[in-house]
């Protein structure tokens, strides 16, 4: 067996190992370094320790340095939206607008509002499921279609396609391409429209087939994790409830424009300390989008506290701990995958993968296939994109510059591709969604996978839009 083939198999084995342990529910924080260093051990045993401290830990800590505040503020904002009752008010109001007869559209819109406002995908699942169950029960729509409906609203266009979304999948590319979260709005909107129309059409077709076959919501004696029927409570004014979400979006855009004007292309300061200190210099273009999202989330948090301090304060201590715990776990999972990707990218076997993917002649198709493939292998949109960009961002940039493609387009394609094949069965959000709804992969994954296919196709719709519009 030739050395290139053997080195490729080592890389493939490491990726498969990480995918399997994630599918079985083991911690990525523990097994990402095990998988990475196992690959190093099989390639060059003398590099195990140097790569662990000099590469894995360095990249892991670097990721946390940039993105940990985004995870924390996003989780805290989502928890406050939940504790204040604002999410409940938004859901109830949307249902009144669209009516119980349009249950799927109502739930998709609610999920979209919450995720585009910055609420964590996991928080959206917990917040929306009780209302989705009640709507589907009233409309006699099979419960097994709820996961696909929530996935369409929360895991697709508002996660990474719509310009300005504060979700981490839309923030990570900014530090690689020097862009902001509003990059390539036309491409993002065109992809979003495709996802929304195709996704709703698919779900409606599934509903009609079920109705034709006489299938209703489900046998109550066999259903699991059924919430109590929604009877209604005193809710916040819907305009007040949606204000923090709107504020996050507006402030994100505003800060994205103002921060480069305030700080210029770079900024430096001298720390106040004993002795002569070297100045701290930062390239503003690489952090402006991150600062903008952090500032926007702080504004959203302040807005929730201003209008809903009384309902929030009783549970703020425990809710805050829960939010921070979730942010720690989510950020460490992604950071571990980032370190894993850096190690794998440094191995000879990855050159085989890179060369194979590099054989795709079109720069945008090359980037899309690379990012979505690695997102699928790792079961994580942010993790797969982190691996791809850490390893190949310079190549993507060079190819794009040679073809005259703006960095904003690279950003949008990478972001959208990350949310393509990421939702394979071992994806954490998919496992959580099925657990919360009390359904199994056998019952509901078919519809989640259909949404995954639609989302993946949307990336190529965006690419086609670029070439038509250029």
Foldseek 3Di string as FASTA:
>chain_A
DDPLVVLLVLLVVLLLVLLVCLLVPDALLPSLLVSLLSSVCVFPVVCSVVLVVVFLVVLLVVLCVACLLLLLLLLLLQLLLVLLQLLVLQLVVLCVVVDLLPLLVSLLVSQQLCQQLRHDLLSSLLSRLQVSLQSQQVNQFALLCVLLSSCLNHLFLLQFQAAQRSHVLLVVLQLLLLAASRFPRVLSVLLNVLLVVVLVVVSVVVRVVCVVVVHGHDDPVPFPLHDDRDPDDDHDDNVLSSVLSVQLSVQLVVQLVCVCVVAPQKHWDFDPDPDGGDIDIDGCSNRSNSVSNSVSSVSSVVSSCVVRVPSCVVCVVVSSVVSSVVSVSVSSSLSSLLSSLRSSLPGSNVVVVVVVLPVPLDLLVSLLCQQLVQLLSNLALSSSLSSCCSNCSVVSVVSCVVVVHRSSLVSSLSSLSSSANSNDSSHPSSVSSCVNRRHDCVSHVVSNVVSSNSSSVSSVVSVVVVVVVD
